């Protein structure tokens, strides 16, 4: 059965969405950018590869599927991702807790 996970764009990507900018063992999420609907490994990859600025996900759209677990391919809503405690609810893979410092780059502030 073919892999149905979304294509992720980025620089020097590995199979779990790590990129040239964020590549620790727990850097395994990709974000579907609100501005273009394309998954990128990170904001820096988007900045390098896209021809437009990032738009943040407004709070009113936090139920939209927009965060990909690079370990299992599950796509979480913004709300599910922010509420998951840095662990994929499907496969149990750990996510980098430091990513919360970049939420403002992707998601409207609470």
PDB file of N, CA and C in Angstrom:
ATOM      1  N   UNK A   1       0.842  -1.177   0.000  1.00  0.00           N
ATOM      2  CA  UNK A   1       0.000   0.000   0.000  1.00  0.00           C
ATOM      3  C   UNK A   1       0.887   1.241   0.000  1.00  0.00           C
ATOM      4  N   UNK A   2       0.637   2.203  -0.893  1.00  0.00           N
ATOM      5  CA  UNK A   2       1.489   3.389  -0.959  1.00  0.00           C
ATOM      6  C   UNK A   2       1.343   4.256   0.283  1.00  0.00           C
ATOM      7  N   UNK A   3       2.411   4.968   0.603  1.00  0.00           N
ATOM      8  CA  UNK A   3       2.400   5.872   1.748  1.00  0.00           C
ATOM      9  C   UNK A   3       1.484   7.052   1.416  1.00  0.00           C
ATOM     10  N   UNK A   4       0.526   7.316   2.284  1.00  0.00           N
ATOM     11  CA  UNK A   4      -0.433   8.383   2.012  1.00  0.00           C
ATOM     12  C   UNK A   4      -0.106   9.671   2.768  1.00  0.00           C
ATOM     13  N   UNK A   5       1.046   9.704   3.399  1.00  0.00           N
ATOM     14  CA  UNK A   5       1.387  10.922   4.138  1.00  0.00           C
ATOM     15  C   UNK A   5       1.626  12.064   3.157  1.00  0.00           C
ATOM     16  N   UNK A   6       1.309  13.276   3.584  1.00  0.00           N
ATOM     17  CA  UNK A   6       1.505  14.439   2.703  1.00  0.00           C
ATOM     18  C   UNK A   6       2.982  14.655   2.383  1.00  0.00           C
ATOM     19  N   UNK A   7       3.231  15.236   1.233  1.00  0.00           N
ATOM     20  CA  UNK A   7       4.593  15.604   0.872  1.00  0.00           C
ATOM     21  C   UNK A   7       5.029  16.772   1.748  1.00  0.00           C
ATOM     22  N   UNK A   8       6.255  16.713   2.231  1.00  0.00           N
ATOM     23  CA  UNK A   8       6.822  17.782   3.058  1.00  0.00           C
ATOM     24  C   UNK A   8       7.957  18.439   2.282  1.00  0.00           C
ATOM     25  N   UNK A   9       7.975  19.754   2.291  1.00  0.00           N
ATOM     26  CA  UNK A   9       9.028  20.513   1.640  1.00  0.00           C
ATOM     27  C   UNK A   9      10.021  20.975   2.692  1.00  0.00           C
ATOM     28  N   UNK A  10      11.281  21.034   2.297  1.00  0.00           N
ATOM     29  CA  UNK A  10      12.304  21.493   3.217  1.00  0.00           C
ATOM     30  C   UNK A  10      13.687  21.274   2.659  1.00  0.00           C
ATOM     31  N   UNK A  11      14.673  21.670   3.417  1.00  0.00           N
ATOM     32  CA  UNK A  11      16.077  21.570   3.014  1.00  0.00           C
ATOM     33  C   UNK A  11      16.714  20.408   3.757  1.00  0.00           C
ATOM     34  N   UNK A  12      17.315  19.488   2.998  1.00  0.00           N
ATOM     35  CA  UNK A  12      17.990  18.308   3.560  1.00  0.00           C
ATOM     36  C   UNK A  12      17.065  17.491   4.454  1.00  0.00           C
ATOM     37  N   UNK A  13      15.855  17.207   3.975  1.00  0.00           N
ATOM     38  CA  UNK A  13      14.877  16.440   4.756  1.00  0.00           C
ATOM     39  C   UNK A  13      15.281  14.986   4.906  1.00  0.00           C
ATOM     40  N   UNK A  14      14.941  14.411   6.051  1.00  0.00           N
ATOM     41  CA  UNK A  14      15.044  12.963   6.203  1.00  0.00           C
ATOM     42  C   UNK A  14      13.623  12.382   6.183  1.00  0.00           C
ATOM     43  N   UNK A  15      13.504  11.106   6.363  1.00  0.00           N
ATOM     44  CA  UNK A  15      12.214  10.426   6.251  1.00  0.00           C
ATOM     45  C   UNK A  15      11.219  10.832   7.338  1.00  0.00           C
ATOM     46  N   UNK A  16      11.714  11.425   8.437  1.00  0.00           N
ATOM     47  CA  UNK A  16      10.813  11.825   9.523  1.00  0.00           C
ATOM     48  C   UNK A  16      10.653  13.336   9.627  1.00  0.00           C
ATOM     49  N   UNK A  17      10.942  14.040   8.571  1.00  0.00           N
ATOM     50  CA  UNK A  17      10.757  15.491   8.399  1.00  0.00           C
ATOM     51  C   UNK A  17      11.792  16.361   9.096  1.00  0.00           C
ATOM     52  N   UNK A  18      12.882  15.788   9.602  1.00  0.00           N
ATOM     53  CA  UNK A  18      13.958  16.626  10.130  1.00  0.00           C
ATOM     54  C   UNK A  18      14.582  17.363   8.951  1.00  0.00           C
ATOM     55  N   UNK A  19      15.091  18.560   9.216  1.00  0.00           N
ATOM     56  CA  UNK A  19      15.648  19.359   8.131  1.00  0.00           C
ATOM     57  C   UNK A  19      17.011  19.917   8.522  1.00  0.00           C
ATOM     58  N   UNK A  20      17.560  20.742   7.651  1.00  0.00           N
ATOM     59  CA  UNK A  20      18.864  21.350   7.904  1.00  0.00           C
ATOM     60  C   UNK A  20      18.839  22.251   9.135  1.00  0.00           C
ATOM     61  N   UNK A  21      17.675  22.802   9.470  1.00  0.00           N
ATOM     62  CA  UNK A  21      17.577  23.748  10.569  1.00  0.00           C
ATOM     63  C   UNK A  21      17.279  23.088  11.917  1.00  0.00           C
ATOM     64  N   UNK A  22      16.453  22.061  11.899  1.00  0.00           N
ATOM     65  CA  UNK A  22      16.021  21.374  13.126  1.00  0.00           C
ATOM     66  C   UNK A  22      16.151  19.876  12.877  1.00  0.00           C
ATOM     67  N   UNK A  23      17.127  19.243  13.502  1.00  0.00           N
ATOM     68  CA  UNK A  23      17.397  17.847  13.154  1.00  0.00           C
ATOM     69  C   UNK A  23      17.777  16.966  14.337  1.00  0.00           C
ATOM     70  N   UNK A  24      17.257  17.282  15.523  1.00  0.00           N
ATOM     71  CA  UNK A  24      17.483  16.379  16.651  1.00  0.00           C
ATOM     72  C   UNK A  24      16.538  15.184  16.517  1.00  0.00           C
ATOM     73  N   UNK A  25      16.709  14.217  17.356  1.00  0.00           N
ATOM     74  CA  UNK A  25      15.872  13.015  17.282  1.00  0.00           C
ATOM     75  C   UNK A  25      14.394  13.311  17.484  1.00  0.00           C
ATOM     76  N   UNK A  26      14.058  14.430  18.138  1.00  0.00           N
ATOM     77  CA  UNK A  26      12.651  14.744  18.420  1.00  0.00           C
ATOM     78  C   UNK A  26      12.098  15.872  17.537  1.00  0.00           C
ATOM     79  N   UNK A  27      12.852  16.287  16.543  1.00  0.00           N
ATOM     80  CA  UNK A  27      12.367  17.297  15.592  1.00  0.00           C
ATOM     81  C   UNK A  27      11.641  16.595  14.445  1.00  0.00           C
ATOM     82  N   UNK A  28      10.450  16.092  14.753  1.00  0.00           N
ATOM     83  CA  UNK A  28       9.747  15.247  13.780  1.00  0.00           C
ATOM     84  C   UNK A  28       8.335  15.739  13.465  1.00  0.00           C
ATOM     85  N   UNK A  29       8.126  17.037  13.482  1.00  0.00           N
ATOM     86  CA  UNK A  29       6.842  17.560  13.031  1.00  0.00           C
ATOM     87  C   UNK A  29       7.056  18.460  11.829  1.00  0.00           C
ATOM     88  N   UNK A  30       6.055  18.500  10.973  1.00  0.00           N
ATOM     89  CA  UNK A  30       6.022  19.442   9.857  1.00  0.00           C
ATOM     90  C   UNK A  30       4.691  20.176   9.954  1.00  0.00           C
ATOM     91  N   UNK A  31       4.684  21.402   9.515  1.00  0.00           N
ATOM     92  CA  UNK A  31       3.502  22.252   9.627  1.00  0.00           C
ATOM     93  C   UNK A  31       2.952  22.555   8.237  1.00  0.00           C
ATOM     94  N   UNK A  32       1.638  22.369   8.081  1.00  0.00           N
ATOM     95  CA  UNK A  32       0.984  22.826   6.850  1.00  0.00           C
ATOM     96  C   UNK A  32       0.797  24.327   7.002  1.00  0.00           C
ATOM     97  N   UNK A  33       1.435  25.069   6.137  1.00  0.00           N
ATOM     98  CA  UNK A  33       1.395  26.518   6.249  1.00  0.00           C
ATOM     99  C   UNK A  33       0.028  27.049   5.844  1.00  0.00           C
ATOM    100  N   UNK A  34      -0.495  27.922   6.668  1.00  0.00           N
ATOM    101  CA  UNK A  34      -1.794  28.533   6.419  1.00  0.00           C
ATOM    102  C   UNK A  34      -1.791  29.281   5.088  1.00  0.00           C
ATOM    103  N   UNK A  35      -0.687  29.925   4.778  1.00  0.00           N
ATOM    104  CA  UNK A  35      -0.600  30.781   3.601  1.00  0.00           C
ATOM    105  C   UNK A  35      -0.704  30.032   2.282  1.00  0.00           C
ATOM    106  N   UNK A  36      -0.195  28.808   2.222  1.00  0.00           N
ATOM    107  CA  UNK A  36      -0.128  28.107   0.937  1.00  0.00           C
ATOM    108  C   UNK A  36      -0.654  26.674   0.989  1.00  0.00           C
ATOM    109  N   UNK A  37      -0.966  26.175   2.179  1.00  0.00           N
ATOM    110  CA  UNK A  37      -1.492  24.815   2.277  1.00  0.00           C
ATOM    111  C   UNK A  37      -0.460  23.730   2.023  1.00  0.00           C
ATOM    112  N   UNK A  38       0.802  24.082   2.074  1.00  0.00           N
ATOM    113  CA  UNK A  38       1.895  23.131   1.825  1.00  0.00           C
ATOM    114  C   UNK A  38       2.600  22.842   3.145  1.00  0.00           C
ATOM    115  N   UNK A  39       2.918  21.563   3.379  1.00  0.00           N
ATOM    116  CA  UNK A  39       3.672  21.186   4.561  1.00  0.00           C
ATOM    117  C   UNK A  39       5.141  21.542   4.373  1.00  0.00           C
ATOM    118  N   UNK A  40       5.698  22.207   5.374  1.00  0.00           N
ATOM    119  CA  UNK A  40       7.125  22.509   5.424  1.00  0.00           C
ATOM    120  C   UNK A  40       7.684  21.972   6.733  1.00  0.00           C
ATOM    121  N   UNK A  41       8.963  21.593   6.701  1.00  0.00           N
ATOM    122  CA  UNK A  41       9.610  21.086   7.897  1.00  0.00           C
ATOM    123  C   UNK A  41       9.715  22.158   8.972  1.00  0.00           C
ATOM    124  N   UNK A  42       9.890  23.403   8.567  1.00  0.00           N
ATOM    125  CA  UNK A  42       9.998  24.494   9.541  1.00  0.00           C
ATOM    126  C   UNK A  42       9.818  25.835   8.847  1.00  0.00           C
ATOM    127  N   UNK A  43       9.742  26.869   9.654  1.00  0.00           N
ATOM    128  CA  UNK A  43       9.582  28.234   9.151  1.00  0.00           C
ATOM    129  C   UNK A  43      10.788  28.667   8.319  1.00  0.00           C
ATOM    130  N   UNK A  44      11.971  28.184   8.677  1.00  0.00           N
ATOM    131  CA  UNK A  44      13.169  28.574   7.942  1.00  0.00           C
ATOM    132  C   UNK A  44      13.210  27.924   6.563  1.00  0.00           C
ATOM    133  N   UNK A  45      12.743  26.681   6.472  1.00  0.00           N
ATOM    134  CA  UNK A  45      12.636  26.032   5.165  1.00  0.00           C
ATOM    135  C   UNK A  45      11.623  26.777   4.296  1.00  0.00           C
ATOM    136  N   UNK A  46      10.492  27.162   4.889  1.00  0.00           N
ATOM    137  CA  UNK A  46       9.490  27.936   4.154  1.00  0.00           C
ATOM    138  C   UNK A  46      10.105  29.245   3.669  1.00  0.00           C
ATOM    139  N   UNK A  47      10.827  29.925   4.543  1.00  0.00           N
ATOM    140  CA  UNK A  47      11.454  31.187   4.170  1.00  0.00           C
ATOM    141  C   UNK A  47      12.428  31.042   3.014  1.00  0.00           C
ATOM    142  N   UNK A  48      13.141  29.919   2.986  1.00  0.00           N
ATOM    143  CA  UNK A  48      14.137  29.701   1.942  1.00  0.00           C
ATOM    144  C   UNK A  48      13.519  29.242   0.621  1.00  0.00           C
ATOM    145  N   UNK A  49      12.396  28.533   0.691  1.00  0.00           N
ATOM    146  CA  UNK A  49      11.868  27.887  -0.512  1.00  0.00           C
ATOM    147  C   UNK A  49      10.598  28.521  -1.081  1.00  0.00           C
ATOM    148  N   UNK A  50       9.829  29.199  -0.261  1.00  0.00           N
ATOM    149  CA  UNK A  50       8.569  29.786  -0.734  1.00  0.00           C
ATOM    150  C   UNK A  50       8.801  31.222  -1.204  1.00  0.00           C
ATOM    151  N   UNK A  51       7.895  31.701  -2.018  1.00  0.00           N
ATOM    152  CA  UNK A  51       8.029  33.059  -2.553  1.00  0.00           C
ATOM    153  C   UNK A  51       7.078  34.038  -1.872  1.00  0.00           C
ATOM    154  N   UNK A  52       6.722  33.744  -0.615  1.00  0.00           N
ATOM    155  CA  UNK A  52       5.776  34.586   0.120  1.00  0.00           C
ATOM    156  C   UNK A  52       6.033  34.441   1.612  1.00  0.00           C
ATOM    157  N   UNK A  53       5.423  35.313   2.383  1.00  0.00           N
ATOM    158  CA  UNK A  53       5.565  35.301   3.836  1.00  0.00           C
ATOM    159  C   UNK A  53       4.619  34.272   4.460  1.00  0.00           C
ATOM    160  N   UNK A  54       5.006  33.779   5.617  1.00  0.00           N
ATOM    161  CA  UNK A  54       4.156  32.862   6.383  1.00  0.00           C
ATOM    162  C   UNK A  54       2.945  33.618   6.919  1.00  0.00           C
ATOM    163  N   UNK A  55       1.802  32.964   6.889  1.00  0.00           N
ATOM    164  CA  UNK A  55       0.608  33.451   7.582  1.00  0.00           C
ATOM    165  C   UNK A  55       0.351  32.492   8.731  1.00  0.00           C
ATOM    166  N   UNK A  56      -0.005  33.034   9.887  1.00  0.00           N
ATOM    167  CA  UNK A  56      -0.273  32.175  11.045  1.00  0.00           C
ATOM    168  C   UNK A  56      -1.695  31.619  10.982  1.00  0.00           C
ATOM    169  N   UNK A  57      -1.889  30.456  11.590  1.00  0.00           N
ATOM    170  CA  UNK A  57      -3.218  29.865  11.695  1.00  0.00           C
ATOM    171  C   UNK A  57      -4.019  30.651  12.730  1.00  0.00           C
ATOM    172  N   UNK A  58      -5.157  31.246  12.332  1.00  0.00           N
ATOM    173  CA  UNK A  58      -5.973  31.956  13.320  1.00  0.00           C
ATOM    174  C   UNK A  58      -6.610  30.967  14.296  1.00  0.00           C
ATOM    175  N   UNK A  59      -6.846  31.415  15.499  1.00  0.00           N
ATOM    176  CA  UNK A  59      -7.438  30.545  16.530  1.00  0.00           C
ATOM    177  C   UNK A  59      -8.743  29.924  16.052  1.00  0.00           C
ATOM    178  N   UNK A  60      -9.492  30.645  15.235  1.00  0.00           N
ATOM    179  CA  UNK A  60     -10.773  30.130  14.737  1.00  0.00           C
ATOM    180  C   UNK A  60     -10.607  28.912  13.834  1.00  0.00           C
ATOM    181  N   UNK A  61      -9.381  28.621  13.393  1.00  0.00           N
ATOM    182  CA  UNK A  61      -9.119  27.481  12.500  1.00  0.00           C
ATOM    183  C   UNK A  61      -8.207  26.434  13.144  1.00  0.00           C
ATOM    184  N   UNK A  62      -8.082  26.456  14.445  1.00  0.00           N
ATOM    185  CA  UNK A  62      -7.207  25.503  15.115  1.00  0.00           C
ATOM    186  C   UNK A  62      -7.720  24.070  15.081  1.00  0.00           C
ATOM    187  N   UNK A  63      -8.922  23.836  14.589  1.00  0.00           N
ATOM    188  CA  UNK A  63      -9.408  22.465  14.439  1.00  0.00           C
ATOM    189  C   UNK A  63      -9.057  21.883  13.072  1.00  0.00           C
ATOM    190  N   UNK A  64      -8.398  22.657  12.235  1.00  0.00           N
ATOM    191  CA  UNK A  64      -7.973  22.186  10.919  1.00  0.00           C
ATOM    192  C   UNK A  64      -6.738  21.294  11.058  1.00  0.00           C
ATOM    193  N   UNK A  65      -6.684  20.204  10.273  1.00  0.00           N
ATOM    194  CA  UNK A  65      -5.491  19.341  10.295  1.00  0.00           C
ATOM    195  C   UNK A  65      -4.296  20.079   9.688  1.00  0.00           C
ATOM    196  N   UNK A  66      -3.253  20.267  10.490  1.00  0.00           N
ATOM    197  CA  UNK A  66      -2.149  21.100  10.020  1.00  0.00           C
ATOM    198  C   UNK A  66      -0.774  20.714  10.557  1.00  0.00           C
ATOM    199  N   UNK A  67      -0.675  19.670  11.380  1.00  0.00           N
ATOM    200  CA  UNK A  67       0.622  19.299  11.953  1.00  0.00           C
ATOM    201  C   UNK A  67       0.850  17.806  11.711  1.00  0.00           C
ATOM    202  N   UNK A  68       1.923  17.502  11.021  1.00  0.00           N
ATOM    203  CA  UNK A  68       2.241  16.125  10.643  1.00  0.00           C
ATOM    204  C   UNK A  68       3.255  15.516  11.594  1.00  0.00           C
ATOM    205  N   UNK A  69       2.950  14.337  12.119  1.00  0.00           N
ATOM    206  CA  UNK A  69       3.939  13.567  12.873  1.00  0.00           C
ATOM    207  C   UNK A  69       4.838  12.865  11.861  1.00  0.00           C
ATOM    208  N   UNK A  70       6.100  13.194  11.896  1.00  0.00           N
ATOM    209  CA  UNK A  70       7.044  12.597  10.957  1.00  0.00           C
ATOM    210  C   UNK A  70       7.319  11.132  11.223  1.00  0.00           C
ATOM    211  N   UNK A  71       6.985  10.657  12.420  1.00  0.00           N
ATOM    212  CA  UNK A  71       7.226   9.244  12.748  1.00  0.00           C
ATOM    213  C   UNK A  71       6.179   8.335  12.115  1.00  0.00           C
ATOM    214  N   UNK A  72       4.902   8.709  12.251  1.00  0.00           N
ATOM    215  CA  UNK A  72       3.837   7.801  11.782  1.00  0.00           C
ATOM    216  C   UNK A  72       2.998   8.357  10.641  1.00  0.00           C
ATOM    217  N   UNK A  73       3.106   9.650  10.356  1.00  0.00           N
ATOM    218  CA  UNK A  73       2.339  10.245   9.278  1.00  0.00           C
ATOM    219  C   UNK A  73       0.969  10.761   9.679  1.00  0.00           C
ATOM    220  N   UNK A  74       0.627  10.677  10.966  1.00  0.00           N
ATOM    221  CA  UNK A  74      -0.657  11.197  11.442  1.00  0.00           C
ATOM    222  C   UNK A  74      -0.661  12.720  11.296  1.00  0.00           C
ATOM    223  N   UNK A  75      -1.794  13.252  10.838  1.00  0.00           N
ATOM    224  CA  UNK A  75      -1.946  14.696  10.745  1.00  0.00           C
ATOM    225  C   UNK A  75      -2.893  15.141  11.858  1.00  0.00           C
ATOM    226  N   UNK A  76      -2.382  15.986  12.724  1.00  0.00           N
ATOM    227  CA  UNK A  76      -3.135  16.490  13.870  1.00  0.00           C
ATOM    228  C   UNK A  76      -3.663  17.885  13.573  1.00  0.00           C
ATOM    229  N   UNK A  77      -4.750  18.235  14.221  1.00  0.00           N
ATOM    230  CA  UNK A  77      -5.186  19.626  14.157  1.00  0.00           C
ATOM    231  C   UNK A  77      -4.212  20.451  14.992  1.00  0.00           C
ATOM    232  N   UNK A  78      -4.236  21.744  14.775  1.00  0.00           N
ATOM    233  CA  UNK A  78      -3.389  22.629  15.580  1.00  0.00           C
ATOM    234  C   UNK A  78      -3.710  22.422  17.050  1.00  0.00           C
ATOM    235  N   UNK A  79      -4.987  22.377  17.386  1.00  0.00           N
ATOM    236  CA  UNK A  79      -5.410  22.206  18.788  1.00  0.00           C
ATOM    237  C   UNK A  79      -4.913  20.871  19.350  1.00  0.00           C
ATOM    238  N   UNK A  80      -5.055  19.786  18.592  1.00  0.00           N
ATOM    239  CA  UNK A  80      -4.570  18.480  19.062  1.00  0.00           C
ATOM    240  C   UNK A  80      -3.069  18.526  19.323  1.00  0.00           C
ATOM    241  N   UNK A  81      -2.339  19.164  18.421  1.00  0.00           N
ATOM    242  CA  UNK A  81      -0.892  19.274  18.577  1.00  0.00           C
ATOM    243  C   UNK A  81      -0.533  20.071  19.829  1.00  0.00           C
ATOM    244  N   UNK A  82      -1.181  21.196  20.010  1.00  0.00           N
ATOM    245  CA  UNK A  82      -0.861  22.040  21.155  1.00  0.00           C
ATOM    246  C   UNK A  82      -1.261  21.394  22.482  1.00  0.00           C
ATOM    247  N   UNK A  83      -2.226  20.498  22.443  1.00  0.00           N
ATOM    248  CA  UNK A  83      -2.713  19.841  23.660  1.00  0.00           C
ATOM    249  C   UNK A  83      -2.121  18.450  23.903  1.00  0.00           C
ATOM    250  N   UNK A  84      -1.235  17.969  23.041  1.00  0.00           N
ATOM    251  CA  UNK A  84      -0.800  16.566  23.102  1.00  0.00           C
ATOM    252  C   UNK A  84       0.308  16.288  24.112  1.00  0.00           C
ATOM    253  N   UNK A  85       0.851  17.318  24.741  1.00  0.00           N
ATOM    254  CA  UNK A  85       1.921  17.081  25.707  1.00  0.00           C
ATOM    255  C   UNK A  85       3.222  16.618  25.073  1.00  0.00           C
ATOM    256  N   UNK A  86       3.474  17.055  23.832  1.00  0.00           N
ATOM    257  CA  UNK A  86       4.713  16.737  23.105  1.00  0.00           C
ATOM    258  C   UNK A  86       4.886  15.259  22.807  1.00  0.00           C
ATOM    259  N   UNK A  87       3.752  14.537  22.688  1.00  0.00           N
ATOM    260  CA  UNK A  87       3.779  13.118  22.329  1.00  0.00           C
ATOM    261  C   UNK A  87       2.684  12.876  21.300  1.00  0.00           C
ATOM    262  N   UNK A  88       3.020  12.230  20.204  1.00  0.00           N
ATOM    263  CA  UNK A  88       2.016  11.932  19.186  1.00  0.00           C
ATOM    264  C   UNK A  88       0.933  11.039  19.788  1.00  0.00           C
ATOM    265  N   UNK A  89      -0.334  11.445  19.689  1.00  0.00           N
ATOM    266  CA  UNK A  89      -1.406  10.630  20.261  1.00  0.00           C
ATOM    267  C   UNK A  89      -1.633   9.310  19.530  1.00  0.00           C
ATOM    268  N   UNK A  90      -1.112   9.186  18.303  1.00  0.00           N
ATOM    269  CA  UNK A  90      -1.292   7.941  17.560  1.00  0.00           C
ATOM    270  C   UNK A  90      -0.168   6.943  17.828  1.00  0.00           C
ATOM    271  N   UNK A  91       1.086   7.394  17.723  1.00  0.00           N
ATOM    272  CA  UNK A  91       2.199   6.437  17.801  1.00  0.00           C
ATOM    273  C   UNK A  91       3.063   6.577  19.048  1.00  0.00           C
ATOM    274  N   UNK A  92       2.885   7.654  19.810  1.00  0.00           N
ATOM    275  CA  UNK A  92       3.662   7.835  21.030  1.00  0.00           C
ATOM    276  C   UNK A  92       5.040   8.442  20.837  1.00  0.00           C
ATOM    277  N   UNK A  93       5.380   8.830  19.602  1.00  0.00           N
ATOM    278  CA  UNK A  93       6.682   9.451  19.363  1.00  0.00           C
ATOM    279  C   UNK A  93       6.749  10.799  20.078  1.00  0.00           C
ATOM    280  N   UNK A  94       7.914  11.114  20.602  1.00  0.00           N
ATOM    281  CA  UNK A  94       8.093  12.381  21.293  1.00  0.00           C
ATOM    282  C   UNK A  94       8.370  13.519  20.335  1.00  0.00           C
ATOM    283  N   UNK A  95       7.751  14.675  20.617  1.00  0.00           N
ATOM    284  CA  UNK A  95       7.981  15.896  19.849  1.00  0.00           C
ATOM    285  C   UNK A  95       8.854  16.834  20.671  1.00  0.00           C
ATOM    286  N   UNK A  96       9.591  17.685  20.010  1.00  0.00           N
ATOM    287  CA  UNK A  96      10.491  18.618  20.676  1.00  0.00           C
ATOM    288  C   UNK A  96       9.689  19.651  21.480  1.00  0.00           C
ATOM    289  N   UNK A  97       9.811  19.651  22.819  1.00  0.00           N
ATOM    290  CA  UNK A  97       9.072  20.636  23.614  1.00  0.00           C
ATOM    291  C   UNK A  97       9.524  22.067  23.345  1.00  0.00           C
ATOM    292  N   UNK A  98      10.726  22.239  22.808  1.00  0.00           N
ATOM    293  CA  UNK A  98      11.218  23.574  22.478  1.00  0.00           C
ATOM    294  C   UNK A  98      10.475  24.222  21.320  1.00  0.00           C
ATOM    295  N   UNK A  99       9.723  23.433  20.572  1.00  0.00           N
ATOM    296  CA  UNK A  99       8.956  23.999  19.458  1.00  0.00           C
ATOM    297  C   UNK A  99       7.951  25.038  19.932  1.00  0.00           C
ATOM    298  N   UNK A 100       7.540  24.949  21.180  1.00  0.00           N
ATOM    299  CA  UNK A 100       6.558  25.917  21.691  1.00  0.00           C
ATOM    300  C   UNK A 100       7.088  27.350  21.599  1.00  0.00           C
ATOM    301  N   UNK A 101       8.398  27.511  21.582  1.00  0.00           N
ATOM    302  CA  UNK A 101       8.983  28.839  21.460  1.00  0.00           C
ATOM    303  C   UNK A 101       8.761  29.445  20.070  1.00  0.00           C
ATOM    304  N   UNK A 102       8.338  28.614  19.127  1.00  0.00           N
ATOM    305  CA  UNK A 102       8.104  29.063  17.749  1.00  0.00           C
ATOM    306  C   UNK A 102       6.625  29.072  17.384  1.00  0.00           C
ATOM    307  N   UNK A 103       5.744  28.754  18.311  1.00  0.00           N
ATOM    308  CA  UNK A 103       4.310  28.725  18.002  1.00  0.00           C
ATOM    309  C   UNK A 103       3.851  30.024  17.351  1.00  0.00           C
ATOM    310  N   UNK A 104       4.356  31.153  17.824  1.00  0.00           N
ATOM    311  CA  UNK A 104       3.909  32.451  17.302  1.00  0.00           C
ATOM    312  C   UNK A 104       4.194  32.595  15.808  1.00  0.00           C
ATOM    313  N   UNK A 105       5.154  31.821  15.299  1.00  0.00           N
ATOM    314  CA  UNK A 105       5.476  31.877  13.881  1.00  0.00           C
ATOM    315  C   UNK A 105       4.471  31.113  13.019  1.00  0.00           C
ATOM    316  N   UNK A 106       3.690  30.244  13.653  1.00  0.00           N
ATOM    317  CA  UNK A 106       2.756  29.390  12.929  1.00  0.00           C
ATOM    318  C   UNK A 106       1.294  29.582  13.346  1.00  0.00           C
ATOM    319  N   UNK A 107       1.091  29.891  14.620  1.00  0.00           N
ATOM    320  CA  UNK A 107      -0.262  29.903  15.208  1.00  0.00           C
ATOM    321  C   UNK A 107      -0.513  31.244  15.893  1.00  0.00           C
ATOM    322  N   UNK A 108      -1.717  31.768  15.715  1.00  0.00           N
ATOM    323  CA  UNK A 108      -2.104  33.014  16.372  1.00  0.00           C
ATOM    324  C   UNK A 108      -1.930  32.865  17.890  1.00  0.00           C
ATOM    325  N   UNK A 109      -1.422  33.901  18.521  1.00  0.00           N
ATOM    326  CA  UNK A 109      -1.191  33.840  19.977  1.00  0.00           C
ATOM    327  C   UNK A 109      -2.487  33.641  20.726  1.00  0.00           C
ATOM    328  N   UNK A 110      -2.388  32.878  21.815  1.00  0.00           N
ATOM    329  CA  UNK A 110      -3.571  32.639  22.660  1.00  0.00           C
ATOM    330  C   UNK A 110      -3.877  33.845  23.504  1.00  0.00           C
TER     331      UNK A 110
END
